Amino acid sequence: QVRLVESGGGLVQTGASLRLSCAVSGPTFSIYTRGWFRQAPGKEREFLAAISWAGPSTYYTDSVKGRFTISSDDAKNTVYLQMNNLKPEDTAVYYCAAGNAIGMTAVAKRGGMDYWGKGTLVTVSS
């Protein structure tokens, strides 16, 4: 079974940076895309960024373009989300996800990803 474990969350001040990590283990041969999502209190889960194995291709939602960067170390089966210039509205639980969806539309839609981590909390104070 595919397992995803996030790390790197925490409490930071406005303008700070954080790098989240997601360790992927198990039978990853069926996974084409890895991504990051977040869910703020009282809001629906939101797609942030995704990266494919091949290429790789990367996708971002408009609200994080230029501030967040997704990358991967395939030798370590680890996906990263570098977050810069954090704002209080970035406060949320951040989830790593994986699946065989291709393209941002397929990845971002509800049910598009097959495997999920338990999340890591990011809190940005003003």
C-alpha atoms as a PDB file:
ATOM      1  CA  GLN A   1       0.000   0.000   0.000  1.00  0.00           C
ATOM      2  CA  VAL A   2       1.270   3.458  -0.883  1.00  0.00           C
ATOM      3  CA  ARG A   3       2.037   5.587   2.166  1.00  0.00           C
ATOM      4  CA  LEU A   4       2.681   9.315   2.289  1.00  0.00           C
ATOM      5  CA  VAL A   5       4.109  11.095   5.321  1.00  0.00           C
ATOM      6  CA  GLU A   6       4.356  14.877   5.465  1.00  0.00           C
ATOM      7  CA  SER A   7       6.755  16.865   7.610  1.00  0.00           C
ATOM      8  CA  GLY A   8       8.064  20.394   7.953  1.00  0.00           C
ATOM      9  CA  GLY A   9       5.026  22.300   9.150  1.00  0.00           C
ATOM     10  CA  GLY A  10       5.109  24.703  12.064  1.00  0.00           C
ATOM     11  CA  LEU A  11       4.445  28.194  13.349  1.00  0.00           C
ATOM     12  CA  VAL A  12       6.102  31.037  11.475  1.00  0.00           C
ATOM     13  CA  GLN A  13       5.691  34.782  11.113  1.00  0.00           C
ATOM     14  CA  THR A  14       4.411  36.631   8.060  1.00  0.00           C
ATOM     15  CA  GLY A  15       7.061  36.758   5.352  1.00  0.00           C
ATOM     16  CA  ALA A  16       8.884  33.639   6.512  1.00  0.00           C
ATOM     17  CA  SER A  17       9.645  30.538   4.468  1.00  0.00           C
ATOM     18  CA  LEU A  18       9.009  26.860   5.094  1.00  0.00           C
ATOM     19  CA  ARG A  19       9.819  23.713   3.182  1.00  0.00           C
ATOM     20  CA  LEU A  20       7.419  20.828   3.470  1.00  0.00           C
ATOM     21  CA  SER A  21       8.527  17.294   2.696  1.00  0.00           C
ATOM     22  CA  CYS A  22       6.494  14.261   1.709  1.00  0.00           C
ATOM     23  CA  ALA A  23       8.059  10.821   1.890  1.00  0.00           C
ATOM     24  CA  VAL A  24       6.356   8.346  -0.442  1.00  0.00           C
ATOM     25  CA  SER A  25       6.723   4.617   0.160  1.00  0.00           C
ATOM     26  CA  GLY A  26       5.187   1.384  -1.035  1.00  0.00           C
ATOM     27  CA  PRO A  27       4.321   0.263  -4.583  1.00  0.00           C
ATOM     28  CA  THR A  28       4.813   3.563  -6.348  1.00  0.00           C
ATOM     29  CA  PHE A  29       4.858   2.090  -9.868  1.00  0.00           C
ATOM     30  CA  SER A  30       1.215   3.139 -10.356  1.00  0.00           C
ATOM     31  CA  ILE A  31       1.852   6.750  -9.358  1.00  0.00           C
ATOM     32  CA  TYR A  32       2.307   9.326 -12.090  1.00  0.00           C
ATOM     33  CA  THR A  33       1.688  12.554 -10.202  1.00  0.00           C
ATOM     34  CA  ARG A  34       2.433  13.819  -6.704  1.00  0.00           C
ATOM     35  CA  GLY A  35       0.853  16.972  -5.351  1.00  0.00           C
ATOM     36  CA  TRP A  36       0.188  19.288  -2.462  1.00  0.00           C
ATOM     37  CA  PHE A  37      -3.186  20.457  -1.215  1.00  0.00           C
ATOM     38  CA  ARG A  38      -4.263  22.441   1.832  1.00  0.00           C
ATOM     39  CA  GLN A  39      -7.362  22.904   3.926  1.00  0.00           C
ATOM     40  CA  ALA A  40      -7.908  25.980   6.029  1.00  0.00           C
ATOM     41  CA  PRO A  41     -10.386  26.014   8.933  1.00  0.00           C
ATOM     42  CA  GLY A  42     -13.930  26.165   7.630  1.00  0.00           C
ATOM     43  CA  LYS A  43     -12.858  25.882   3.997  1.00  0.00           C
ATOM     44  CA  GLU A  44     -12.733  23.151   1.391  1.00  0.00           C
ATOM     45  CA  ARG A  45      -9.515  21.416   0.498  1.00  0.00           C
ATOM     46  CA  GLU A  46      -7.604  23.395  -2.133  1.00  0.00           C
ATOM     47  CA  PHE A  47      -5.159  22.205  -4.782  1.00  0.00           C
ATOM     48  CA  LEU A  48      -1.788  23.965  -4.659  1.00  0.00           C
ATOM     49  CA  ALA A  49       0.785  22.271  -6.865  1.00  0.00           C
ATOM     50  CA  ALA A  50       1.658  19.002  -8.540  1.00  0.00           C
ATOM     51  CA  ILE A  51       4.631  17.349 -10.191  1.00  0.00           C
ATOM     52  CA  SER A  52       4.814  14.364 -12.518  1.00  0.00           C
ATOM     53  CA  TRP A  53       7.479  11.658 -12.627  1.00  0.00           C
ATOM     54  CA  ALA A  54       8.248  12.183 -16.302  1.00  0.00           C
ATOM     55  CA  GLY A  55       9.690  15.475 -17.461  1.00  0.00           C
ATOM     56  CA  PRO A  56       8.856  16.427 -14.862  1.00  0.00           C
ATOM     57  CA  SER A  57       5.880  18.659 -15.461  1.00  0.00           C
ATOM     58  CA  THR A  58       4.724  20.996 -12.726  1.00  0.00           C
ATOM     59  CA  TYR A  59       1.364  22.653 -12.134  1.00  0.00           C
ATOM     60  CA  TYR A  60       0.358  25.441  -9.755  1.00  0.00           C
ATOM     61  CA  THR A  61      -2.835  27.113  -8.751  1.00  0.00           C
ATOM     62  CA  ASP A  62      -2.733  30.850  -9.465  1.00  0.00           C
ATOM     63  CA  SER A  63      -2.823  31.882  -5.811  1.00  0.00           C
ATOM     64  CA  VAL A  64       0.615  30.373  -5.072  1.00  0.00           C
ATOM     65  CA  LYS A  65       2.455  30.906  -8.344  1.00  0.00           C
ATOM     66  CA  GLY A  66       5.694  32.761  -7.703  1.00  0.00           C
ATOM     67  CA  ARG A  67       5.672  32.004  -3.957  1.00  0.00           C
ATOM     68  CA  PHE A  68       5.490  28.189  -3.781  1.00  0.00           C
ATOM     69  CA  THR A  69       7.707  25.739  -5.641  1.00  0.00           C
ATOM     70  CA  ILE A  70       7.165  22.003  -5.909  1.00  0.00           C
ATOM     71  CA  SER A  71      10.102  19.700  -6.512  1.00  0.00           C
ATOM     72  CA  SER A  72      11.039  16.086  -6.069  1.00  0.00           C
ATOM     73  CA  ASP A  73      14.003  13.889  -5.297  1.00  0.00           C
ATOM     74  CA  ASP A  74      12.964  10.701  -7.038  1.00  0.00           C
ATOM     75  CA  ALA A  75      15.956   8.777  -5.681  1.00  0.00           C
ATOM     76  CA  LYS A  76      14.577   9.446  -2.196  1.00  0.00           C
ATOM     77  CA  ASN A  77      10.907   9.161  -3.222  1.00  0.00           C
ATOM     78  CA  THR A  78      10.366  12.534  -1.625  1.00  0.00           C
ATOM     79  CA  VAL A  79       8.372  15.529  -2.808  1.00  0.00           C
ATOM     80  CA  TYR A  80       8.928  19.025  -1.477  1.00  0.00           C
ATOM     81  CA  LEU A  81       6.938  22.232  -1.304  1.00  0.00           C
ATOM     82  CA  GLN A  82       9.050  25.325  -0.802  1.00  0.00           C
ATOM     83  CA  MET A  83       6.863  28.129   0.504  1.00  0.00           C
ATOM     84  CA  ASN A  84       8.163  31.684   0.546  1.00  0.00           C
ATOM     85  CA  ASN A  85       6.719  34.981   1.728  1.00  0.00           C
ATOM     86  CA  LEU A  86       4.101  33.224   3.812  1.00  0.00           C
ATOM     87  CA  LYS A  87       0.938  35.092   4.711  1.00  0.00           C
ATOM     88  CA  PRO A  88      -1.643  34.541   7.457  1.00  0.00           C
ATOM     89  CA  GLU A  89      -4.078  33.283   4.812  1.00  0.00           C
ATOM     90  CA  ASP A  90      -1.656  30.424   4.120  1.00  0.00           C
ATOM     91  CA  THR A  91      -2.522  28.985   7.531  1.00  0.00           C
ATOM     92  CA  ALA A  92      -3.897  25.508   6.914  1.00  0.00           C
ATOM     93  CA  VAL A  93      -3.250  21.798   7.145  1.00  0.00           C
ATOM     94  CA  TYR A  94      -1.107  20.856   4.175  1.00  0.00           C
ATOM     95  CA  TYR A  95      -1.585  17.448   2.579  1.00  0.00           C
ATOM     96  CA  CYS A  96       0.560  15.468   0.204  1.00  0.00           C
ATOM     97  CA  ALA A  97      -1.241  13.324  -2.349  1.00  0.00           C
ATOM     98  CA  ALA A  98      -0.361  10.917  -5.139  1.00  0.00           C
ATOM     99  CA  GLY A  99      -2.110   9.168  -7.978  1.00  0.00           C
ATOM    100  CA  ASN A 100      -2.155   8.410 -11.664  1.00  0.00           C
ATOM    101  CA  ALA A 101      -4.050  11.519 -12.742  1.00  0.00           C
ATOM    102  CA  ILE A 102      -2.395  13.491 -15.525  1.00  0.00           C
ATOM    103  CA  GLY A 103      -2.725  17.227 -15.933  1.00  0.00           C
ATOM    104  CA  MET A 104      -3.782  19.908 -13.492  1.00  0.00           C
ATOM    105  CA  THR A 105      -7.517  19.589 -14.100  1.00  0.00           C
ATOM    106  CA  ALA A 106      -7.512  15.872 -13.369  1.00  0.00           C
ATOM    107  CA  VAL A 107      -5.227  16.235 -10.361  1.00  0.00           C
ATOM    108  CA  ALA A 108      -7.068  19.150  -8.789  1.00  0.00           C
ATOM    109  CA  LYS A 109     -10.621  17.821  -9.031  1.00  0.00           C
ATOM    110  CA  ARG A 110     -12.255  16.118  -6.072  1.00  0.00           C
ATOM    111  CA  GLY A 111     -11.265  12.459  -6.114  1.00  0.00           C
ATOM    112  CA  GLY A 112      -8.464  13.041  -8.584  1.00  0.00           C
ATOM    113  CA  MET A 113      -5.722  11.669  -6.348  1.00  0.00           C
ATOM    114  CA  ASP A 114      -5.683   8.163  -4.932  1.00  0.00           C
ATOM    115  CA  TYR A 115      -3.402   8.349  -1.909  1.00  0.00           C
ATOM    116  CA  TRP A 116      -3.193  10.933   0.852  1.00  0.00           C
ATOM    117  CA  GLY A 117      -1.001  11.726   3.818  1.00  0.00           C
ATOM    118  CA  LYS A 118      -2.367  12.767   7.197  1.00  0.00           C
ATOM    119  CA  GLY A 119      -1.256  16.354   6.803  1.00  0.00           C
ATOM    120  CA  THR A 120       1.050  18.819   8.505  1.00  0.00           C
ATOM    121  CA  LEU A 121      -0.121  22.058  10.096  1.00  0.00           C
ATOM    122  CA  VAL A 122       1.262  25.384   8.934  1.00  0.00           C
ATOM    123  CA  THR A 123       0.377  28.437  11.004  1.00  0.00           C
ATOM    124  CA  VAL A 124       1.417  31.903   9.871  1.00  0.00           C
ATOM    125  CA  SER A 125       1.125  34.634  12.482  1.00  0.00           C
ATOM    126  CA  SER A 126       0.613  38.274  11.576  1.00  0.00           C
END
